[in-house]
Amino acid sequence: MNEHEPASVLPTTRRRLLVGGVAAAVTLGLPSAANATDPPPAPRSARRPNSTLHHERRSMSTFTTKDDTQIYYKDWGSGPVVSFSHGWPLSADAWEAQMFHLASNGFRCIAHDRRGHGRSSQPWGGNDMDTYADDLNELFSALDLKGVTMIGHSTGGGEVARYIGRHGTKRVARAVLMGAVPPIMLKTAANPGGLPIEVFDGFRKAYLADRSQFFLEIASGPFFGFNRPEAKVSQGMIQSWWLQGMMTGHKNAYDCIKAFSETDFTEDLKKFDVPTLIIHGDDDQIVPIGASALLSAKLVRNSVLKVYPGGSHSLGDTDRDKLNADLLAFARS
């Protein structure tokens, strides 16, 4: 069990952060670009992916959903398919180390920017788990993917769970939930170990007050565990996280706080019928292990729980080599 406090209370330190060529002193405190206008719609036929010939697949592409939202995705390598669903407020870039490793070892790796995130368009609506899962289903259908190993981190773990809950496993061979938000983050009568709504109200308040600073504070502290006394701080990781966060649509990222914190995935997890690996750090300050992975492991039949001692919320960065090896072994199983 993780006994650390949630990321709402952090020690104060000073660090120097170079962002966009400007040196700025950043005061770290409470826990976690510009809204570009969507490009003019192109003809739908021009934006549908061509999946008929493998050699015609581009390394980066887009497709258009039924509600005319343009979704960006990366498609690397060849072989059995592994999909990656990223956390809030990030993008497919958060998975590049894992995608590179698996694609270099004989897998086709696909990761999309969730609607409103990264290079995808920023619709006003649809910022909820049902729509996220449906977008992913449309991508799988457009590329005619089968036998997929689905991997989801944090909010992306919720996306994987809701995908299986809504669309089943006819295209899925395996699933991985890493630092994932299921079954539900919010404290309720049925989930007394969850986080109180005041924590997420505080996220929303800090986000609206100064989302750029809020993102810096999350990345500089609890997300990577950089607020721990012996942590080796990487300014590069902080800057990358901040940049990805600032690429989100303002309303999309705001709405997603509700989506990742209040959605109940209990019934979705009960529908898992494929081999499932649940990975979590026991020092995860964003999604505490006691109210997430330990409960999910009881709900998903025949799942395997792997706990990383001292592991942060961002195991793909702070425990990269170990995670890469575990994901490769599982994808090969």
Foldseek 3Di string as FASTA:
>chain_A
DFPDAFQQFFDWDWDWAQAPNDIDIFIATGAAADQDADDDDDPQVVQQDDQPDPVPDDQKGWHADPVGWIKIKGKAADAAEEEEEEAPPFFQVLCVLLCVLQRVVHYIYMYIGFAQFDPIDHDLDDLALLSSLVVVVVVCVSNVAAQYEYEYAAVGLSNVLNNCLVPNDRRYAEYEYELYLPQAQDDDPVQPPHDHVVSLVVNLVVCVVPNLSRLLNNQCDAQQNVSDPPDDDDSVSSNNSSVRNNRGDSSSSSSNSCRSHPHGSLSSQLRDDHEYEYEYECNASHRHCVRHVVVSVVRHPPYHYDYDYVGYSSCCPNVVVVVSVVVNVVSVD
